[in-house]
Amino acid sequence: MTARIQPDRAALEIAHRTLFVSTPLDDMLKQTSFRLILENIARRHMQRRARTDVKKLQANDHD
């Protein structure tokens, strides 16, 4: 089984904004259940972010 990637801080902050919660991010990361939810959403965001090729979009290069 492969190890899951750990999301970076930017992805965690975007996941936190996606959830629309008033609890600060650092407090949510201290609780296991919230941390798991945040990390899953952040991983999903990182996958979407990796699929987007900005250089290709700027060059208007459509395959």
PDB file of N, CA and C in Angstrom:
ATOM      1  N   MET A   1       0.834  -1.174   0.000  1.00  0.00           N
ATOM      2  CA  MET A   1       0.000   0.000   0.000  1.00  0.00           C
ATOM      3  C   MET A   1       0.884   1.244   0.000  1.00  0.00           C
ATOM      4  N   THR A   2       0.561   2.195  -0.845  1.00  0.00           N
ATOM      5  CA  THR A   2       1.381   3.392  -0.933  1.00  0.00           C
ATOM      6  C   THR A   2       1.028   4.384   0.166  1.00  0.00           C
ATOM      7  N   ALA A   3       2.012   5.144   0.537  1.00  0.00           N
ATOM      8  CA  ALA A   3       1.794   6.166   1.574  1.00  0.00           C
ATOM      9  C   ALA A   3       1.036   7.339   0.978  1.00  0.00           C
ATOM     10  N   ARG A   4       0.117   7.879   1.746  1.00  0.00           N
ATOM     11  CA  ARG A   4      -0.639   9.036   1.276  1.00  0.00           C
ATOM     12  C   ARG A   4       0.233  10.280   1.354  1.00  0.00           C
ATOM     13  N   ILE A   5       0.058  11.140   0.387  1.00  0.00           N
ATOM     14  CA  ILE A   5       0.806  12.384   0.412  1.00  0.00           C
ATOM     15  C   ILE A   5       0.217  13.306   1.469  1.00  0.00           C
ATOM     16  N   GLN A   6       1.078  14.076   2.090  1.00  0.00           N
ATOM     17  CA  GLN A   6       0.623  15.038   3.080  1.00  0.00           C
ATOM     18  C   GLN A   6       0.353  16.358   2.373  1.00  0.00           C
ATOM     19  N   PRO A   7      -0.837  16.906   2.545  1.00  0.00           N
ATOM     20  CA  PRO A   7      -1.146  18.169   1.900  1.00  0.00           C
ATOM     21  C   PRO A   7      -0.322  19.317   2.467  1.00  0.00           C
ATOM     22  N   ASP A   8      -0.016  20.279   1.613  1.00  0.00           N
ATOM     23  CA  ASP A   8       0.730  21.440   2.074  1.00  0.00           C
ATOM     24  C   ASP A   8      -0.210  22.442   2.745  1.00  0.00           C
ATOM     25  N   ARG A   9       0.369  23.460   3.322  1.00  0.00           N
ATOM     26  CA  ARG A   9      -0.414  24.438   4.103  1.00  0.00           C
ATOM     27  C   ARG A   9      -1.427  25.170   3.215  1.00  0.00           C
ATOM     28  N   ALA A  10      -1.036  25.493   1.991  1.00  0.00           N
ATOM     29  CA  ALA A  10      -1.947  26.210   1.098  1.00  0.00           C
ATOM     30  C   ALA A  10      -3.186  25.373   0.795  1.00  0.00           C
ATOM     31  N   ALA A  11      -2.995  24.092   0.551  1.00  0.00           N
ATOM     32  CA  ALA A  11      -4.130  23.211   0.267  1.00  0.00           C
ATOM     33  C   ALA A  11      -5.025  23.065   1.494  1.00  0.00           C
ATOM     34  N   LEU A  12      -4.418  23.024   2.674  1.00  0.00           N
ATOM     35  CA  LEU A  12      -5.209  22.939   3.901  1.00  0.00           C
ATOM     36  C   LEU A  12      -6.035  24.207   4.115  1.00  0.00           C
ATOM     37  N   GLU A  13      -5.452  25.360   3.804  1.00  0.00           N
ATOM     38  CA  GLU A  13      -6.191  26.615   3.964  1.00  0.00           C
ATOM     39  C   GLU A  13      -7.355  26.696   2.971  1.00  0.00           C
ATOM     40  N   ILE A  14      -7.153  26.216   1.767  1.00  0.00           N
ATOM     41  CA  ILE A  14      -8.234  26.211   0.784  1.00  0.00           C
ATOM     42  C   ILE A  14      -9.328  25.237   1.212  1.00  0.00           C
ATOM     43  N   ALA A  15      -8.941  24.095   1.752  1.00  0.00           N
ATOM     44  CA  ALA A  15      -9.927  23.135   2.246  1.00  0.00           C
ATOM     45  C   ALA A  15     -10.719  23.735   3.410  1.00  0.00           C
ATOM     46  N   HIS A  16     -10.042  24.476   4.259  1.00  0.00           N
ATOM     47  CA  HIS A  16     -10.706  25.120   5.398  1.00  0.00           C
ATOM     48  C   HIS A  16     -11.729  26.142   4.905  1.00  0.00           C
ATOM     49  N   ARG A  17     -11.356  26.925   3.889  1.00  0.00           N
ATOM     50  CA  ARG A  17     -12.299  27.899   3.321  1.00  0.00           C
ATOM     51  C   ARG A  17     -13.474  27.209   2.646  1.00  0.00           C
ATOM     52  N   THR A  18     -13.237  26.049   2.043  1.00  0.00           N
ATOM     53  CA  THR A  18     -14.285  25.301   1.357  1.00  0.00           C
ATOM     54  C   THR A  18     -15.358  24.834   2.336  1.00  0.00           C
ATOM     55  N   LEU A  19     -14.958  24.522   3.557  1.00  0.00           N
ATOM     56  CA  LEU A  19     -15.901  24.007   4.551  1.00  0.00           C
ATOM     57  C   LEU A  19     -16.776  25.087   5.184  1.00  0.00           C
ATOM     58  N   PHE A  20     -16.401  26.367   5.053  1.00  0.00           N
ATOM     59  CA  PHE A  20     -17.169  27.479   5.628  1.00  0.00           C
ATOM     60  C   PHE A  20     -17.406  27.297   7.128  1.00  0.00           C
ATOM     61  N   VAL A  21     -16.347  27.043   7.869  1.00  0.00           N
ATOM     62  CA  VAL A  21     -16.457  26.894   9.321  1.00  0.00           C
ATOM     63  C   VAL A  21     -15.822  28.098  10.002  1.00  0.00           C
ATOM     64  N   SER A  22     -16.279  28.388  11.204  1.00  0.00           N
ATOM     65  CA  SER A  22     -15.741  29.536  11.933  1.00  0.00           C
ATOM     66  C   SER A  22     -14.563  29.156  12.829  1.00  0.00           C
ATOM     67  N   THR A  23     -14.339  27.873  13.028  1.00  0.00           N
ATOM     68  CA  THR A  23     -13.229  27.404  13.858  1.00  0.00           C
ATOM     69  C   THR A  23     -11.909  27.649  13.115  1.00  0.00           C
ATOM     70  N   PRO A  24     -10.901  28.205  13.785  1.00  0.00           N
ATOM     71  CA  PRO A  24      -9.608  28.435  13.130  1.00  0.00           C
ATOM     72  C   PRO A  24      -8.979  27.127  12.636  1.00  0.00           C
ATOM     73  N   LEU A  25      -8.199  27.238  11.591  1.00  0.00           N
ATOM     74  CA  LEU A  25      -7.570  26.074  10.971  1.00  0.00           C
ATOM     75  C   LEU A  25      -6.692  25.304  11.951  1.00  0.00           C
ATOM     76  N   ASP A  26      -5.882  26.005  12.719  1.00  0.00           N
ATOM     77  CA  ASP A  26      -4.974  25.320  13.653  1.00  0.00           C
ATOM     78  C   ASP A  26      -5.734  24.535  14.712  1.00  0.00           C
ATOM     79  N   ASP A  27      -6.875  25.058  15.155  1.00  0.00           N
ATOM     80  CA  ASP A  27      -7.691  24.327  16.133  1.00  0.00           C
ATOM     81  C   ASP A  27      -8.312  23.083  15.501  1.00  0.00           C
ATOM     82  N   MET A  28      -8.689  23.180  14.240  1.00  0.00           N
ATOM     83  CA  MET A  28      -9.268  22.015  13.564  1.00  0.00           C
ATOM     84  C   MET A  28      -8.223  20.929  13.346  1.00  0.00           C
ATOM     85  N   LEU A  29      -6.982  21.336  13.098  1.00  0.00           N
ATOM     86  CA  LEU A  29      -5.925  20.349  12.876  1.00  0.00           C
ATOM     87  C   LEU A  29      -5.553  19.604  14.158  1.00  0.00           C
ATOM     88  N   LYS A  30      -5.868  20.158  15.305  1.00  0.00           N
ATOM     89  CA  LYS A  30      -5.574  19.487  16.579  1.00  0.00           C
ATOM     90  C   LYS A  30      -6.536  18.333  16.854  1.00  0.00           C
ATOM     91  N   GLN A  31      -7.746  18.398  16.310  1.00  0.00           N
ATOM     92  CA  GLN A  31      -8.733  17.349  16.526  1.00  0.00           C
ATOM     93  C   GLN A  31      -8.658  16.340  15.381  1.00  0.00           C
ATOM     94  N   THR A  32      -8.588  15.071  15.714  1.00  0.00           N
ATOM     95  CA  THR A  32      -8.361  14.015  14.734  1.00  0.00           C
ATOM     96  C   THR A  32      -9.439  13.962  13.661  1.00  0.00           C
ATOM     97  N   SER A  33     -10.691  14.035  14.041  1.00  0.00           N
ATOM     98  CA  SER A  33     -11.764  13.907  13.057  1.00  0.00           C
ATOM     99  C   SER A  33     -11.745  15.064  12.064  1.00  0.00           C
ATOM    100  N   PHE A  34     -11.557  16.278  12.559  1.00  0.00           N
ATOM    101  CA  PHE A  34     -11.494  17.442  11.671  1.00  0.00           C
ATOM    102  C   PHE A  34     -10.249  17.395  10.793  1.00  0.00           C
ATOM    103  N   ARG A  35      -9.129  16.931  11.370  1.00  0.00           N
ATOM    104  CA  ARG A  35      -7.887  16.852  10.604  1.00  0.00           C
ATOM    105  C   ARG A  35      -8.030  15.901   9.429  1.00  0.00           C
ATOM    106  N   LEU A  36      -8.682  14.759   9.653  1.00  0.00           N
ATOM    107  CA  LEU A  36      -8.883  13.798   8.568  1.00  0.00           C
ATOM    108  C   LEU A  36      -9.748  14.382   7.454  1.00  0.00           C
ATOM    109  N   ILE A  37     -10.796  15.085   7.829  1.00  0.00           N
ATOM    110  CA  ILE A  37     -11.675  15.703   6.837  1.00  0.00           C
ATOM    111  C   ILE A  37     -10.913  16.753   6.039  1.00  0.00           C
ATOM    112  N   LEU A  38     -10.185  17.609   6.747  1.00  0.00           N
ATOM    113  CA  LEU A  38      -9.416  18.651   6.064  1.00  0.00           C
ATOM    114  C   LEU A  38      -8.371  18.068   5.126  1.00  0.00           C
ATOM    115  N   GLU A  39      -7.667  17.043   5.577  1.00  0.00           N
ATOM    116  CA  GLU A  39      -6.625  16.450   4.738  1.00  0.00           C
ATOM    117  C   GLU A  39      -7.210  15.789   3.501  1.00  0.00           C
ATOM    118  N   ASN A  40      -8.363  15.145   3.623  1.00  0.00           N
ATOM    119  CA  ASN A  40      -8.983  14.530   2.455  1.00  0.00           C
ATOM    120  C   ASN A  40      -9.400  15.569   1.430  1.00  0.00           C
ATOM    121  N   ILE A  41      -9.992  16.655   1.886  1.00  0.00           N
ATOM    122  CA  ILE A  41     -10.396  17.715   0.966  1.00  0.00           C
ATOM    123  C   ILE A  41      -9.165  18.373   0.347  1.00  0.00           C
ATOM    124  N   ALA A  42      -8.126  18.556   1.143  1.00  0.00           N
ATOM    125  CA  ALA A  42      -6.895  19.164   0.637  1.00  0.00           C
ATOM    126  C   ALA A  42      -6.219  18.262  -0.395  1.00  0.00           C
ATOM    127  N   ARG A  43      -6.239  16.951  -0.174  1.00  0.00           N
ATOM    128  CA  ARG A  43      -5.658  16.028  -1.161  1.00  0.00           C
ATOM    129  C   ARG A  43      -6.416  16.100  -2.487  1.00  0.00           C
ATOM    130  N   ARG A  44      -7.738  16.161  -2.392  1.00  0.00           N
ATOM    131  CA  ARG A  44      -8.559  16.289  -3.599  1.00  0.00           C
ATOM    132  C   ARG A  44      -8.214  17.576  -4.343  1.00  0.00           C
ATOM    133  N   HIS A  45      -8.021  18.659  -3.596  1.00  0.00           N
ATOM    134  CA  HIS A  45      -7.641  19.931  -4.206  1.00  0.00           C
ATOM    135  C   HIS A  45      -6.273  19.822  -4.871  1.00  0.00           C
ATOM    136  N   MET A  46      -5.330  19.157  -4.212  1.00  0.00           N
ATOM    137  CA  MET A  46      -3.989  19.012  -4.771  1.00  0.00           C
ATOM    138  C   MET A  46      -4.010  18.205  -6.062  1.00  0.00           C
ATOM    139  N   GLN A  47      -4.871  17.203  -6.151  1.00  0.00           N
ATOM    140  CA  GLN A  47      -4.983  16.426  -7.384  1.00  0.00           C
ATOM    141  C   GLN A  47      -5.520  17.292  -8.519  1.00  0.00           C
ATOM    142  N   ARG A  48      -6.536  18.094  -8.220  1.00  0.00           N
ATOM    143  CA  ARG A  48      -7.084  18.993  -9.236  1.00  0.00           C
ATOM    144  C   ARG A  48      -6.055  20.033  -9.646  1.00  0.00           C
ATOM    145  N   ARG A  49      -5.303  20.536  -8.679  1.00  0.00           N
ATOM    146  CA  ARG A  49      -4.284  21.546  -8.961  1.00  0.00           C
ATOM    147  C   ARG A  49      -3.178  20.968  -9.842  1.00  0.00           C
ATOM    148  N   ALA A  50      -2.848  19.704  -9.641  1.00  0.00           N
ATOM    149  CA  ALA A  50      -1.785  19.073 -10.423  1.00  0.00           C
ATOM    150  C   ALA A  50      -2.210  18.845 -11.868  1.00  0.00           C
ATOM    151  N   ARG A  51      -3.499  18.664 -12.105  1.00  0.00           N
ATOM    152  CA  ARG A  51      -3.972  18.430 -13.469  1.00  0.00           C
ATOM    153  C   ARG A  51      -3.952  19.690 -14.322  1.00  0.00           C
ATOM    154  N   THR A  52      -4.012  20.848 -13.708  1.00  0.00           N
ATOM    155  CA  THR A  52      -4.046  22.106 -14.439  1.00  0.00           C
ATOM    156  C   THR A  52      -2.638  22.509 -14.838  1.00  0.00           C
ATOM    157  N   ASP A  53      -2.428  22.672 -16.127  1.00  0.00           N
ATOM    158  CA  ASP A  53      -1.132  23.090 -16.637  1.00  0.00           C
ATOM    159  C   ASP A  53      -1.244  24.552 -17.075  1.00  0.00           C
ATOM    160  N   VAL A  54      -0.748  25.443 -16.236  1.00  0.00           N
ATOM    161  CA  VAL A  54      -0.904  26.869 -16.471  1.00  0.00           C
ATOM    162  C   VAL A  54      -0.163  27.305 -17.729  1.00  0.00           C
ATOM    163  N   LYS A  55       1.007  26.783 -17.956  1.00  0.00           N
ATOM    164  CA  LYS A  55       1.794  27.165 -19.145  1.00  0.00           C
ATOM    165  C   LYS A  55       1.037  26.817 -20.424  1.00  0.00           C
ATOM    166  N   LYS A  56       0.395  25.647 -20.404  1.00  0.00           N
ATOM    167  CA  LYS A  56      -0.372  25.224 -21.565  1.00  0.00           C
ATOM    168  C   LYS A  56      -1.566  26.141 -21.789  1.00  0.00           C
ATOM    169  N   LEU A  57      -2.205  26.550 -20.702  1.00  0.00           N
ATOM    170  CA  LEU A  57      -3.330  27.461 -20.805  1.00  0.00           C
ATOM    171  C   LEU A  57      -2.890  28.827 -21.331  1.00  0.00           C
ATOM    172  N   GLN A  58      -1.743  29.301 -20.884  1.00  0.00           N
ATOM    173  CA  GLN A  58      -1.227  30.594 -21.336  1.00  0.00           C
ATOM    174  C   GLN A  58      -0.869  30.553 -22.810  1.00  0.00           C
ATOM    175  N   ALA A  59      -0.356  29.419 -23.259  1.00  0.00           N
ATOM    176  CA  ALA A  59       0.048  29.297 -24.662  1.00  0.00           C
ATOM    177  C   ALA A  59      -1.139  28.985 -25.562  1.00  0.00           C
ATOM    178  N   ASN A  60      -2.305  28.765 -24.961  1.00  0.00           N
ATOM    179  CA  ASN A  60      -3.506  28.426 -25.718  1.00  0.00           C
ATOM    180  C   ASN A  60      -3.277  27.159 -26.550  1.00  0.00           C
ATOM    181  N   ASP A  61      -2.550  26.210 -25.959  1.00  0.00           N
ATOM    182  CA  ASP A  61      -2.195  24.964 -26.621  1.00  0.00           C
ATOM    183  C   ASP A  61      -3.187  23.901 -26.226  1.00  0.00           C
ATOM    184  N   HIS A  62      -4.103  23.585 -27.113  1.00  0.00           N
ATOM    185  CA  HIS A  62      -5.122  22.574 -26.841  1.00  0.00           C
ATOM    186  C   HIS A  62      -4.793  21.295 -27.583  1.00  0.00           C
ATOM    187  N   ASP A  63      -4.675  20.209 -26.859  1.00  0.00           N
ATOM    188  CA  ASP A  63      -4.383  18.909 -27.488  1.00  0.00           C
ATOM    189  C   ASP A  63      -5.646  18.280 -28.023  1.00  0.00           C
TER     190      ASP A  63
END
